[in-house]
N, C-alpha and C. Protein backbone atom coordinates (compact mmCIF):
# COMPACT_ATOMS: atom_id res chain seq x y z
N MET A 1 -58.61 -86.90 23.33
CA MET A 1 -58.23 -86.51 22.75
C MET A 1 -56.88 -85.64 23.25
N ILE A 2 -56.66 -85.38 21.49
CA ILE A 2 -55.11 -85.55 21.75
C ILE A 2 -54.86 -83.77 21.00
N LEU A 3 -54.23 -82.77 21.60
CA LEU A 3 -54.51 -81.49 21.69
C LEU A 3 -52.97 -81.21 21.11
N THR A 4 -52.65 -80.82 19.78
CA THR A 4 -51.72 -80.65 20.18
C THR A 4 -51.78 -78.95 19.13
N HIS A 5 -49.82 -78.20 19.36
CA HIS A 5 -49.94 -76.50 19.39
C HIS A 5 -48.55 -76.72 18.38
N GLN A 6 -48.83 -75.76 17.46
CA GLN A 6 -48.21 -75.31 16.59
C GLN A 6 -47.84 -74.65 16.96
N HIS A 7 -46.72 -74.70 17.07
CA HIS A 7 -45.64 -72.82 18.47
C HIS A 7 -44.50 -72.74 16.65
N LYS A 8 -45.00 -71.00 16.25
CA LYS A 8 -43.93 -70.75 14.98
C LYS A 8 -42.76 -70.16 15.88
N PRO A 9 -41.69 -70.23 15.42
CA PRO A 9 -40.41 -69.93 15.71
C PRO A 9 -40.92 -68.57 15.65
N MET A 10 -39.87 -67.90 17.23
CA MET A 10 -39.97 -66.92 16.78
C MET A 10 -38.68 -66.14 16.55
N THR A 11 -39.32 -64.98 16.33
CA THR A 11 -38.63 -64.16 14.83
C THR A 11 -37.87 -62.95 15.91
N GLN A 12 -36.75 -62.80 15.73
CA GLN A 12 -36.30 -62.12 16.81
C GLN A 12 -35.26 -60.42 15.78
N SER A 13 -35.62 -59.75 16.44
CA SER A 13 -36.03 -58.17 15.65
C SER A 13 -35.29 -57.46 15.97
N TYR A 14 -34.02 -56.98 15.02
CA TYR A 14 -32.66 -56.66 16.02
C TYR A 14 -32.70 -54.74 15.74
N ARG A 15 -31.82 -54.14 15.68
CA ARG A 15 -32.93 -52.31 15.28
C ARG A 15 -31.19 -51.58 15.46
N VAL A 16 -31.14 -50.98 14.22
CA VAL A 16 -30.07 -50.28 13.85
C VAL A 16 -30.36 -48.68 15.04
N HIS A 17 -29.74 -48.75 15.78
CA HIS A 17 -29.52 -47.29 16.06
C HIS A 17 -28.99 -46.07 15.97
N VAL A 18 -29.47 -44.90 15.92
CA VAL A 18 -28.44 -43.52 14.97
C VAL A 18 -28.85 -43.19 16.64
N PRO A 19 -27.86 -42.68 17.53
CA PRO A 19 -28.64 -41.94 18.57
C PRO A 19 -28.66 -40.28 17.89
N SER A 20 -27.78 -40.34 17.26
CA SER A 20 -27.33 -38.56 16.69
C SER A 20 -28.85 -38.35 16.10
N ALA A 21 -29.86 -39.09 15.26
CA ALA A 21 -30.41 -38.66 14.52
C ALA A 21 -30.85 -40.32 15.02
N PRO A 22 -32.10 -40.13 16.09
CA PRO A 22 -32.68 -41.99 16.29
C PRO A 22 -34.22 -41.92 14.67
N TYR A 23 -35.13 -41.05 13.99
CA TYR A 23 -35.35 -41.15 13.11
C TYR A 23 -34.99 -42.22 12.17
N GLU A 24 -33.71 -42.18 12.60
CA GLU A 24 -33.03 -43.12 10.51
C GLU A 24 -33.39 -44.41 10.85
N GLY A 25 -33.01 -44.92 11.55
CA GLY A 25 -33.19 -45.95 13.06
C GLY A 25 -34.34 -46.89 12.05
N GLU A 26 -33.61 -48.70 11.95
CA GLU A 26 -33.91 -49.55 11.18
C GLU A 26 -34.45 -50.81 12.00
N THR A 27 -35.67 -51.40 12.08
CA THR A 27 -35.91 -52.71 13.15
C THR A 27 -35.25 -53.45 11.14
N VAL A 28 -34.62 -55.12 11.90
CA VAL A 28 -34.56 -55.84 10.47
C VAL A 28 -34.74 -57.32 11.15
N PHE A 29 -35.05 -58.46 10.18
CA PHE A 29 -34.87 -59.60 11.71
C PHE A 29 -33.87 -60.36 10.48
N ASP A 30 -32.75 -60.31 10.51
CA ASP A 30 -31.42 -60.82 9.96
C ASP A 30 -30.21 -59.71 10.54
N LEU A 31 -29.61 -60.38 11.24
CA LEU A 31 -28.69 -59.87 12.00
C LEU A 31 -27.09 -60.10 10.33
N ASP A 32 -27.41 -60.43 9.87
CA ASP A 32 -26.26 -60.26 8.94
C ASP A 32 -26.75 -58.28 8.14
N ARG A 33 -28.31 -58.16 7.46
CA ARG A 33 -28.39 -57.02 7.37
C ARG A 33 -28.14 -55.92 8.12
N ALA A 34 -28.40 -56.27 9.55
CA ALA A 34 -28.43 -55.31 10.41
C ALA A 34 -26.99 -55.06 10.88
N TRP A 35 -26.42 -55.27 10.89
CA TRP A 35 -24.75 -54.81 10.67
C TRP A 35 -24.32 -54.20 9.64
N HIS A 36 -25.15 -54.67 7.87
CA HIS A 36 -24.77 -54.13 7.24
C HIS A 36 -25.08 -52.73 6.93
N LEU A 37 -26.51 -52.46 8.45
CA LEU A 37 -27.14 -51.13 8.18
C LEU A 37 -26.45 -50.40 8.65
N CYS A 38 -25.90 -51.55 9.23
CA CYS A 38 -24.92 -50.59 11.14
C CYS A 38 -23.92 -49.14 10.83
N LEU A 39 -23.14 -50.00 9.70
CA LEU A 39 -21.75 -49.26 8.49
C LEU A 39 -22.48 -48.88 7.66
N ASP A 40 -23.06 -49.32 7.48
CA ASP A 40 -23.97 -47.91 6.30
C ASP A 40 -23.92 -46.24 7.26
N MET A 41 -24.77 -45.76 8.07
CA MET A 41 -25.73 -45.23 8.74
C MET A 41 -24.20 -44.67 9.67
N SER A 42 -23.68 -46.01 10.23
CA SER A 42 -21.50 -44.82 11.01
C SER A 42 -21.26 -44.15 9.70
N GLU A 43 -21.56 -44.75 9.03
CA GLU A 43 -20.55 -43.40 7.71
C GLU A 43 -21.66 -42.45 7.81
N GLU A 44 -22.41 -42.33 7.31
CA GLU A 44 -23.31 -41.33 7.24
C GLU A 44 -23.80 -40.62 8.36
N PHE A 45 -23.66 -41.17 9.50
CA PHE A 45 -23.83 -40.27 10.44
C PHE A 45 -23.17 -39.51 11.72
N GLY A 46 -21.78 -40.67 11.72
CA GLY A 46 -20.89 -41.61 12.32
C GLY A 46 -20.59 -41.83 14.00
N TYR A 47 -21.57 -42.46 14.48
CA TYR A 47 -22.57 -43.78 15.44
C TYR A 47 -23.68 -44.42 14.81
N ALA A 48 -23.12 -45.54 14.96
CA ALA A 48 -24.66 -46.08 15.29
C ALA A 48 -24.42 -48.15 16.01
N GLU A 49 -25.70 -48.16 16.08
CA GLU A 49 -25.56 -49.59 17.01
C GLU A 49 -26.17 -50.36 16.67
N VAL A 50 -25.59 -51.81 16.57
CA VAL A 50 -27.02 -52.93 16.93
C VAL A 50 -27.90 -53.40 18.18
N ARG A 51 -28.82 -53.42 18.87
CA ARG A 51 -30.03 -53.51 19.89
C ARG A 51 -30.64 -54.89 19.22
N LEU A 52 -30.55 -55.46 20.49
CA LEU A 52 -31.12 -57.32 20.20
C LEU A 52 -32.53 -57.17 21.61
N ALA A 53 -33.47 -56.25 21.48
CA ALA A 53 -34.22 -55.82 22.74
C ALA A 53 -34.15 -54.99 22.91
N GLY A 54 -33.35 -54.45 23.46
CA GLY A 54 -32.56 -52.79 23.78
C GLY A 54 -31.32 -53.37 24.55
N VAL A 55 -30.26 -54.20 24.57
CA VAL A 55 -28.89 -54.31 24.87
C VAL A 55 -28.10 -54.44 23.15
N ILE A 56 -27.28 -53.51 23.58
CA ILE A 56 -26.57 -53.91 22.42
C ILE A 56 -25.27 -54.79 21.96
N LEU A 57 -25.51 -54.88 21.19
CA LEU A 57 -24.72 -56.42 20.34
C LEU A 57 -23.35 -55.54 20.00
N GLY A 58 -23.15 -54.06 19.21
CA GLY A 58 -22.14 -53.80 18.69
C GLY A 58 -22.13 -52.28 18.23
N SER A 59 -21.32 -51.83 17.82
CA SER A 59 -21.80 -50.98 16.82
C SER A 59 -20.83 -50.40 16.30
N TYR A 60 -20.83 -49.08 15.23
CA TYR A 60 -19.73 -48.56 14.32
C TYR A 60 -19.64 -47.59 14.99
N THR A 61 -18.77 -47.05 14.13
CA THR A 61 -17.85 -45.64 14.51
C THR A 61 -17.06 -44.96 13.26
N ASN A 62 -18.01 -43.68 12.73
CA ASN A 62 -17.22 -43.58 11.55
C ASN A 62 -16.83 -44.99 10.67
N GLY A 63 -17.26 -45.48 10.07
CA GLY A 63 -17.50 -46.96 9.36
C GLY A 63 -16.10 -48.15 10.99
N ARG A 64 -16.04 -47.68 11.43
CA ARG A 64 -14.92 -48.80 12.43
C ARG A 64 -15.75 -49.35 13.25
N PRO A 65 -15.74 -50.85 13.77
CA PRO A 65 -15.23 -51.55 14.95
C PRO A 65 -15.64 -50.25 15.97
């Protein structure tokens, strides 16, 4: 008897975090989308960052890296 396991690819989720307005953050599964949201949120709230598993990948301040 042969047993096979089908592994689903792990889906990474990215968190766009806004420290000054934590309720405004968003979780997405596409890194390009995360950066776009981060930029938009930094323009609105002054600062936003993209996180992966709690690690900050980068940030924008007032629409600038």
